[in-house]
């Protein structure tokens, strides 16, 4: 048991928490920075271990949090990975609890605190308990999927507790024999003051929308986000009167490919690049669309719900639970179904026809749009906040470190 003192108010006086992460994107990086600083604010001694690029993007150090650079790449590099695991073994030795974010970081953390013996991977006695949060699923096949599967098995065998951001990730870990699985809370940052009517008018004027419907999508221009399907659907919307404008905010590796297709097919789509004014864009939108192939607890869905916008999204990962579709009540009763309990229209991933029809339904039916907007605003009040996430982690860390709350 560590030499710490904990009170019944969630204090973590002196608890030594080591956080391990690799290359991280916006949502994960912001979540780790927020929770690390809030844990430090409750008295924990927090060390974040990760690549220099992560520190440059998110600035984990500060607010009582220390950062140590360690080279954890976003893909396997055997020699570098061995060095990272050896360095982690030293860094993690003095921790009371280790928390790794992401599959690669989790597997390296397992390796750093484990010994390899004939048969299954065995965790060395006396090592600090390890929590691994899984934020993403693999959406490709071939060699990448095979490597992903190997890392999953390492994490399932070696982690003390695995947290998943969506039910499918949790079930996958149970299937692989993880000893303890739970649900991760990954909230969006606290909302700022909602944009006023002038912001909506100014942004619509900037985009030259006029009286046309404005469809907004926010996300990285990457394979996971399902943007080719959105472009497929936009061909049909171009025939509407007046034709909607589809505005996509974000940047990423598919930008050139998407731009070339928009120009070649003369699609009613505009790439806006990375935008600092997402709340304003959502306020200006008539409907928000999330066409992703897979998502966990996407921050943009939380932002859309807070903005009270009609939402059409894919039925993948954690999205159904976030919008109240097919969610099991705490009392173990039947699944909640029916349009009145849902804050979005959900469609299958990769189905451009279903996406086109769902968006057209909202555009053609003002009462449906109003109901979805109202349900979104109501649903947003049920979303967990950053304090809820830290409460969960504080209770878990104290439990694993065998401290009474």
Protein backbone atom coordinates (compact mmCIF):
# COMPACT_ATOMS: atom_id res chain seq x y z
CA UNK A 1 0.00 0.00 0.00
CA UNK A 2 1.45 3.41 -0.93
CA UNK A 3 2.26 5.95 1.77
CA UNK A 4 -0.64 8.25 0.86
CA UNK A 5 -3.66 9.61 2.61
CA UNK A 6 -7.07 9.74 0.96
CA UNK A 7 -10.23 11.36 2.22
CA UNK A 8 -13.86 10.75 1.36
CA UNK A 9 -13.84 13.85 -0.85
CA UNK A 10 -11.81 12.25 -3.62
CA UNK A 11 -8.46 13.68 -2.51
CA UNK A 12 -5.40 11.87 -3.81
CA UNK A 13 -2.78 13.25 -1.45
CA UNK A 14 0.58 12.06 -2.70
CA UNK A 15 -0.73 9.23 -4.90
CA UNK A 16 1.88 8.64 -7.59
CA UNK A 17 0.20 8.34 -10.98
CA UNK A 18 2.18 7.63 -14.16
CA UNK A 19 0.37 8.25 -17.44
CA UNK A 20 1.72 6.68 -20.64
CA UNK A 21 0.66 7.73 -24.11
CA UNK A 22 1.94 7.55 -27.65
CA UNK A 23 1.12 9.72 -30.64
CA UNK A 24 -2.28 11.21 -29.80
CA UNK A 25 -4.94 13.09 -31.73
CA UNK A 26 -6.96 16.07 -30.55
CA UNK A 27 -9.65 14.39 -28.48
CA UNK A 28 -7.37 11.99 -26.62
CA UNK A 29 -4.68 14.60 -26.02
CA UNK A 30 -7.14 17.13 -24.59
CA UNK A 31 -8.70 14.45 -22.39
CA UNK A 32 -5.35 13.34 -20.95
CA UNK A 33 -4.21 16.91 -20.32
CA UNK A 34 -7.48 17.77 -18.57
CA UNK A 35 -7.58 14.68 -16.36
CA UNK A 36 -3.87 14.87 -15.51
CA UNK A 37 -4.15 18.44 -14.27
CA UNK A 38 -7.35 17.78 -12.37
CA UNK A 39 -5.77 14.73 -10.71
CA UNK A 40 -2.81 16.91 -9.71
CA UNK A 41 -5.28 19.45 -8.35
CA UNK A 42 -6.60 16.74 -6.02
CA UNK A 43 -3.13 16.11 -4.66
CA UNK A 44 -1.80 13.35 -6.94
CA UNK A 45 1.80 13.41 -8.11
CA UNK A 46 1.33 13.00 -11.86
CA UNK A 47 3.98 12.08 -14.41
CA UNK A 48 3.08 11.95 -18.12
CA UNK A 49 5.39 9.85 -20.32
CA UNK A 50 5.10 10.26 -24.08
CA UNK A 51 6.68 11.50 -27.31
CA UNK A 52 7.90 15.07 -27.64
CA UNK A 53 5.33 15.69 -30.38
CA UNK A 54 2.51 15.08 -27.89
CA UNK A 55 3.95 17.60 -25.45
CA UNK A 56 4.37 20.15 -28.24
CA UNK A 57 0.74 19.77 -29.28
CA UNK A 58 -0.94 19.66 -25.88
CA UNK A 59 1.45 21.00 -23.25
CA UNK A 60 0.88 18.40 -20.52
CA UNK A 61 3.54 19.86 -18.22
CA UNK A 62 2.22 22.46 -15.81
CA UNK A 63 -0.47 22.69 -13.19
CA UNK A 64 1.41 20.22 -11.01
CA UNK A 65 2.02 17.72 -13.84
CA UNK A 66 5.51 16.64 -14.94
CA UNK A 67 6.32 15.42 -18.45
CA UNK A 68 9.08 13.02 -19.47
CA UNK A 69 9.86 12.40 -23.13
CA UNK A 70 9.82 8.81 -24.29
CA UNK A 71 9.75 7.68 -27.91
CA UNK A 72 6.50 5.76 -28.43
CA UNK A 73 5.78 5.71 -32.15
CA UNK A 74 2.40 5.23 -33.79
CA UNK A 75 3.56 2.02 -35.48
CA UNK A 76 5.85 -0.89 -34.56
CA UNK A 77 9.58 -0.15 -34.56
CA UNK A 78 11.23 -3.11 -32.81
CA UNK A 79 14.49 -1.50 -31.66
CA UNK A 80 12.81 1.71 -30.59
CA UNK A 81 10.04 -0.22 -28.83
CA UNK A 82 12.55 -2.28 -26.83
CA UNK A 83 14.29 0.92 -25.69
CA UNK A 84 10.95 2.51 -24.80
CA UNK A 85 9.90 -0.51 -22.75
CA UNK A 86 13.22 -0.53 -20.85
CA UNK A 87 12.94 3.17 -20.10
CA UNK A 88 9.33 2.76 -19.01
CA UNK A 89 10.34 -0.02 -16.64
CA UNK A 90 12.50 2.50 -14.78
CA UNK A 91 10.01 5.36 -14.93
CA UNK A 92 7.03 3.30 -13.79
CA UNK A 93 8.78 1.53 -10.95
CA UNK A 94 8.00 4.25 -8.44
CA UNK A 95 4.34 4.71 -9.40
CA UNK A 96 1.37 3.63 -7.31
CA UNK A 97 -0.84 3.38 -10.41
CA UNK A 98 0.00 3.38 -14.12
CA UNK A 99 -2.54 4.51 -16.71
CA UNK A 100 -1.80 3.99 -20.41
CA UNK A 101 -3.91 5.56 -23.14
CA UNK A 102 -4.12 3.71 -26.44
CA UNK A 103 -3.30 0.20 -27.53
CA UNK A 104 0.39 0.68 -28.33
CA UNK A 105 1.06 2.61 -25.15
CA UNK A 106 -0.85 -0.04 -23.22
CA UNK A 107 1.11 -2.92 -24.72
CA UNK A 108 4.44 -1.20 -24.02
CA UNK A 109 3.36 -0.51 -20.44
CA UNK A 110 2.43 -4.19 -20.00
CA UNK A 111 5.80 -5.22 -21.41
CA UNK A 112 7.64 -2.75 -19.17
CA UNK A 113 6.12 -4.20 -15.99
CA UNK A 114 5.96 -7.86 -17.01
CA UNK A 115 8.23 -10.82 -17.40
CA UNK A 116 7.96 -13.20 -20.33
CA UNK A 117 7.68 -16.86 -19.35
CA UNK A 118 6.58 -20.00 -21.18
CA UNK A 119 2.83 -19.89 -21.71
CA UNK A 120 0.68 -16.81 -21.19
CA UNK A 121 2.21 -13.44 -20.41
CA UNK A 122 2.53 -13.05 -16.65
CA UNK A 123 2.71 -9.76 -14.80
CA UNK A 124 5.62 -9.56 -12.40
CA UNK A 125 4.68 -9.50 -8.73
CA UNK A 126 4.90 -6.20 -6.94
CA UNK A 127 4.50 -4.06 -10.06
CA UNK A 128 2.09 -1.14 -9.94
CA UNK A 129 -1.46 -1.83 -11.13
CA UNK A 130 -2.02 -0.89 -14.77
CA UNK A 131 -5.10 0.73 -16.27
CA UNK A 132 -5.34 0.85 -20.07
CA UNK A 133 -7.92 3.00 -21.84
CA UNK A 134 -8.71 1.97 -25.41
CA UNK A 135 -9.79 4.95 -27.50
CA UNK A 136 -9.95 3.48 -31.00
CA UNK A 137 -10.79 0.36 -32.99
CA UNK A 138 -8.96 -0.94 -36.03
CA UNK A 139 -10.87 -0.26 -39.27
CA UNK A 140 -8.48 -1.88 -41.75
CA UNK A 141 -7.45 -5.44 -42.45
CA UNK A 142 -4.25 -7.21 -43.43
CA UNK A 143 -1.00 -6.77 -41.53
CA UNK A 144 -2.29 -3.77 -39.57
CA UNK A 145 -5.22 -5.77 -38.22
CA UNK A 146 -2.92 -8.67 -37.31
CA UNK A 147 -0.58 -6.40 -35.35
CA UNK A 148 -3.57 -4.75 -33.70
CA UNK A 149 -4.87 -8.17 -32.62
CA UNK A 150 -1.53 -9.09 -31.07
CA UNK A 151 -1.44 -5.84 -29.09
CA UNK A 152 -5.02 -6.43 -27.94
CA UNK A 153 -4.09 -9.83 -26.52
CA UNK A 154 -1.07 -8.38 -24.72
CA UNK A 155 -3.24 -5.69 -23.11
CA UNK A 156 -6.03 -8.14 -22.22
CA UNK A 157 -3.57 -10.49 -20.50
CA UNK A 158 -1.42 -7.89 -18.79
CA UNK A 159 -3.61 -4.96 -17.72
CA UNK A 160 -5.18 -4.86 -14.28
CA UNK A 161 -8.21 -2.97 -15.64
CA UNK A 162 -9.16 -2.14 -19.23
CA UNK A 163 -11.47 0.77 -19.98
CA UNK A 164 -13.18 1.09 -23.37
CA UNK A 165 -14.73 4.21 -24.82
CA UNK A 166 -17.47 2.19 -26.53
CA UNK A 167 -19.38 -1.05 -25.86
CA UNK A 168 -17.74 -2.90 -28.76
CA UNK A 169 -14.25 -2.25 -27.38
CA UNK A 170 -15.35 -3.41 -23.93
CA UNK A 171 -16.86 -6.61 -25.32
CA UNK A 172 -13.74 -7.28 -27.38
CA UNK A 173 -11.58 -7.15 -24.25
CA UNK A 174 -13.94 -9.48 -22.38
CA UNK A 175 -13.80 -11.92 -25.29
CA UNK A 176 -9.99 -11.86 -25.12
CA UNK A 177 -10.08 -12.70 -21.42
CA UNK A 178 -9.29 -9.37 -19.77
CA UNK A 179 -9.60 -9.79 -16.01
CA UNK A 180 -11.57 -6.56 -15.46
CA UNK A 181 -13.27 -4.31 -18.02
CA UNK A 182 -15.10 -1.01 -17.57
CA UNK A 183 -16.43 1.96 -19.48
CA UNK A 184 -14.24 5.04 -19.90
CA UNK A 185 -15.67 8.54 -19.53
CA UNK A 186 -14.21 10.91 -22.14
CA UNK A 187 -16.11 14.20 -21.94
CA UNK A 188 -15.74 17.22 -24.16
CA UNK A 189 -14.11 20.29 -22.57
CA UNK A 190 -16.48 22.59 -20.70
CA UNK A 191 -18.62 24.63 -23.11
CA UNK A 192 -18.08 28.32 -23.56
CA UNK A 193 -20.91 30.81 -23.80
CA UNK A 194 -23.14 29.75 -26.71
CA UNK A 195 -22.78 31.84 -29.89
CA UNK A 196 -25.49 34.43 -30.35
CA UNK A 197 -27.66 35.08 -33.44
CA UNK A 198 -25.09 37.52 -34.83
CA UNK A 199 -22.44 34.77 -34.97
CA UNK A 200 -24.80 32.53 -36.92
CA UNK A 201 -25.61 35.32 -39.36
CA UNK A 202 -21.96 36.32 -39.83
CA UNK A 203 -20.79 32.76 -40.50
CA UNK A 204 -23.58 32.06 -42.94
CA UNK A 205 -22.67 35.29 -44.74
CA UNK A 206 -18.98 34.28 -44.76
CA UNK A 207 -19.89 30.96 -46.38
CA UNK A 208 -22.28 32.60 -48.83
CA UNK A 209 -25.08 30.26 -47.83
CA UNK A 210 -27.98 32.67 -48.12
CA UNK A 211 -31.25 30.77 -47.77
CA UNK A 212 -29.68 27.44 -48.69
CA UNK A 213 -29.59 24.73 -46.00
CA UNK A 214 -26.17 24.38 -44.39
CA UNK A 215 -24.94 20.87 -43.54
CA UNK A 216 -21.86 20.85 -41.29
CA UNK A 217 -19.38 18.06 -40.60
CA UNK A 218 -16.41 18.48 -38.25
CA UNK A 219 -13.57 15.98 -38.13
CA UNK A 220 -10.12 14.99 -39.26
CA UNK A 221 -9.90 14.32 -42.97
CA UNK A 222 -8.97 10.68 -42.46
CA UNK A 223 -10.30 7.26 -43.40
CA UNK A 224 -12.09 6.74 -40.08
CA UNK A 225 -14.40 9.72 -40.62
CA UNK A 226 -16.33 8.27 -43.59
CA UNK A 227 -16.06 11.40 -45.73
CA UNK A 228 -16.17 9.63 -49.13
CA UNK A 229 -19.65 8.41 -48.14
CA UNK A 230 -20.61 12.00 -47.33
CA UNK A 231 -19.46 13.09 -50.79
CA UNK A 232 -21.48 10.26 -52.35
CA UNK A 233 -24.60 11.48 -50.55
CA UNK A 234 -23.95 15.09 -51.53
CA UNK A 235 -24.50 14.22 -55.21
CA UNK A 236 -28.18 13.60 -54.48
CA UNK A 237 -28.52 16.72 -52.33
CA UNK A 238 -27.23 18.78 -55.26
CA UNK A 239 -30.55 18.10 -57.01
CA UNK A 240 -32.62 19.65 -54.22
CA UNK A 241 -34.12 23.14 -54.49
CA UNK A 242 -32.35 25.04 -53.12
CA UNK A 243 -29.27 22.81 -53.04
CA UNK A 244 -27.68 22.57 -49.57
CA UNK A 245 -24.07 23.48 -48.96
CA UNK A 246 -21.99 20.82 -47.19
CA UNK A 247 -19.22 22.43 -45.13
CA UNK A 248 -16.46 20.17 -43.75
CA UNK A 249 -14.22 21.63 -41.03
CA UNK A 250 -10.91 19.87 -40.42
CA UNK A 251 -7.63 18.89 -42.02
CA UNK A 252 -5.80 15.63 -42.58
CA UNK A 253 -4.26 13.19 -45.04
CA UNK A 254 -7.31 12.87 -47.32
CA UNK A 255 -7.57 16.60 -48.05
CA UNK A 256 -6.04 16.44 -51.53
CA UNK A 257 -8.09 13.41 -52.55
CA UNK A 258 -11.34 14.93 -51.30
CA UNK A 259 -10.68 18.31 -52.88
CA UNK A 260 -9.90 16.73 -56.24
CA UNK A 261 -13.11 14.76 -56.17
CA UNK A 262 -15.22 17.77 -55.16
CA UNK A 263 -13.84 19.74 -58.09
CA UNK A 264 -14.04 16.90 -60.62
CA UNK A 265 -17.67 16.06 -59.76
CA UNK A 266 -18.75 19.65 -59.03
CA UNK A 267 -20.13 18.65 -55.64
CA UNK A 268 -21.85 21.18 -53.35
CA UNK A 269 -19.14 20.68 -50.73
CA UNK A 270 -16.62 23.12 -49.28
CA UNK A 271 -13.51 22.16 -47.30
CA UNK A 272 -13.00 24.80 -44.62
CA UNK A 273 -9.76 23.49 -43.13
CA UNK A 274 -9.10 23.48 -39.39
CA UNK A 275 -11.41 25.97 -37.67
CA UNK A 276 -11.16 27.49 -34.17
CA UNK A 277 -14.85 28.45 -34.23
CA UNK A 278 -16.60 25.07 -34.24
CA UNK A 279 -19.36 26.22 -31.83
CA UNK A 280 -20.14 29.05 -34.23
CA UNK A 281 -20.20 26.73 -37.24
CA UNK A 282 -22.62 24.43 -35.45
CA UNK A 283 -24.81 27.39 -34.52
CA UNK A 284 -24.87 28.38 -38.19
CA UNK A 285 -25.76 24.87 -39.36
CA UNK A 286 -29.23 23.61 -40.18
CA UNK A 287 -28.10 20.03 -39.61
CA UNK A 288 -24.91 18.33 -38.42
CA UNK A 289 -23.66 15.07 -39.91
CA UNK A 290 -21.19 12.54 -38.46
CA UNK A 291 -20.60 9.89 -41.18
CA UNK A 292 -17.76 8.04 -39.41
CA UNK A 293 -16.81 4.42 -40.00
CA UNK A 294 -16.14 4.11 -36.26
CA UNK A 295 -16.15 6.40 -33.21
CA UNK A 296 -15.78 6.00 -29.49
CA UNK A 297 -17.16 8.99 -27.61
CA UNK A 298 -16.49 11.69 -30.23
CA UNK A 299 -16.15 15.14 -28.77
CA UNK A 300 -17.88 16.62 -31.80
CA UNK A 301 -21.08 14.66 -31.05
CA UNK A 302 -21.03 16.11 -27.55
CA UNK A 303 -20.55 19.59 -29.03
CA UNK A 304 -23.44 19.05 -31.46
CA UNK A 305 -25.74 17.97 -28.64
CA UNK A 306 -24.74 21.00 -26.58
CA UNK A 307 -25.44 23.23 -29.58
CA UNK A 308 -28.91 21.70 -29.90
CA UNK A 309 -28.55 20.93 -33.60
CA UNK A 310 -30.39 18.20 -35.53
CA UNK A 311 -27.94 15.33 -35.97
CA UNK A 312 -27.60 12.50 -38.48
CA UNK A 313 -24.82 10.06 -37.55
CA UNK A 314 -23.67 6.52 -38.17
CA UNK A 315 -24.67 3.75 -35.78
CA UNK A 316 -21.13 2.83 -34.72
CA UNK A 317 -19.09 2.51 -31.54
CA UNK A 318 -20.24 4.73 -28.71
CA UNK A 319 -22.48 7.06 -30.73
CA UNK A 320 -25.81 5.24 -30.11
CA UNK A 321 -25.35 5.41 -26.35
CA UNK A 322 -24.42 9.09 -26.52
CA UNK A 323 -27.63 10.01 -28.34
CA UNK A 324 -29.87 7.72 -26.29
CA UNK A 325 -30.44 5.03 -28.92
CA UNK A 326 -30.48 1.43 -27.71
CA UNK A 327 -29.20 2.39 -24.28
CA UNK A 328 -29.79 0.01 -21.38
CA UNK A 329 -31.18 1.68 -18.23
CA UNK A 330 -29.28 1.41 -14.96
CA UNK A 331 -32.06 -0.77 -13.50
CA UNK A 332 -31.34 -3.46 -16.10
CA UNK A 333 -34.67 -3.00 -17.87
CA UNK A 334 -35.27 -3.34 -21.60
CA UNK A 335 -33.39 -1.32 -24.18
CA UNK A 336 -34.73 2.15 -24.82
CA UNK A 337 -36.09 2.49 -28.34
CA UNK A 338 -38.27 4.88 -30.26
CA UNK A 339 -37.73 8.29 -31.81
CA UNK A 340 -38.76 10.21 -28.70
CA UNK A 341 -35.77 8.82 -26.75
CA UNK A 342 -33.19 9.54 -29.44
CA UNK A 343 -31.32 12.78 -30.17
CA UNK A 344 -30.23 11.76 -33.70
CA UNK A 345 -31.18 9.81 -36.78
CA UNK A 346 -28.73 6.91 -37.06
CA UNK A 347 -27.70 5.19 -40.30
CA UNK A 348 -25.34 2.32 -41.16
CA UNK A 349 -21.71 3.31 -41.86
CA UNK A 350 -20.73 3.45 -45.52
CA UNK A 351 -24.35 3.63 -46.74
CA UNK A 352 -24.58 6.82 -48.82
CA UNK A 353 -28.23 6.19 -49.78
CA UNK A 354 -29.29 5.87 -46.13
CA UNK A 355 -27.32 8.98 -45.22
CA UNK A 356 -28.88 10.94 -48.08
CA UNK A 357 -32.40 9.87 -47.12
CA UNK A 358 -31.95 10.66 -43.42
CA UNK A 359 -30.62 14.16 -44.07
CA UNK A 360 -33.36 14.79 -46.62
CA UNK A 361 -35.98 13.73 -44.05
CA UNK A 362 -34.71 16.37 -41.64
CA UNK A 363 -34.56 19.05 -44.33
CA UNK A 364 -38.09 18.24 -45.53
CA UNK A 365 -39.72 17.99 -42.09
CA UNK A 366 -39.36 21.08 -39.86
CA UNK A 367 -41.15 19.31 -37.01
CA UNK A 368 -38.63 16.45 -37.11
CA UNK A 369 -35.75 18.95 -37.18
CA UNK A 370 -37.24 20.76 -34.18
CA UNK A 371 -37.74 17.51 -32.25
CA UNK A 372 -34.16 16.39 -32.88
CA UNK A 373 -32.83 19.80 -31.86
CA UNK A 374 -34.84 19.74 -28.64
CA UNK A 375 -33.81 16.14 -27.88
CA UNK A 376 -30.16 17.05 -28.48
CA UNK A 377 -30.32 19.93 -26.01
CA UNK A 378 -32.00 17.70 -23.42
CA UNK A 379 -29.51 14.91 -24.01
CA UNK A 380 -26.58 17.29 -23.56
CA UNK A 381 -27.69 17.91 -19.97
CA UNK A 382 -27.07 14.20 -19.27
CA UNK A 383 -23.54 14.16 -20.65
CA UNK A 384 -20.77 13.56 -18.09
CA UNK A 385 -18.34 16.38 -17.44
CA UNK A 386 -14.63 16.53 -16.74
CA UNK A 387 -15.19 16.29 -12.99
CA UNK A 388 -17.15 13.07 -13.58
CA UNK A 389 -14.20 11.65 -15.51
CA UNK A 390 -11.76 12.52 -12.74
CA UNK A 391 -14.12 11.18 -10.07
CA UNK A 392 -14.16 7.87 -11.94
CA UNK A 393 -10.37 7.74 -12.23
CA UNK A 394 -9.77 8.82 -8.64
CA UNK A 395 -12.04 6.07 -7.33
CA UNK A 396 -10.44 3.51 -9.63
CA UNK A 397 -6.86 4.48 -8.74
CA UNK A 398 -7.61 4.34 -5.02
CA UNK A 399 -9.31 0.99 -5.41
CA UNK A 400 -6.40 -0.48 -7.33
CA UNK A 401 -3.86 0.98 -4.93
CA UNK A 402 -5.85 -0.60 -2.09
CA UNK A 403 -6.71 2.66 -0.37
CA UNK A 404 -10.03 3.15 1.36
CA UNK A 405 -12.00 6.10 0.00
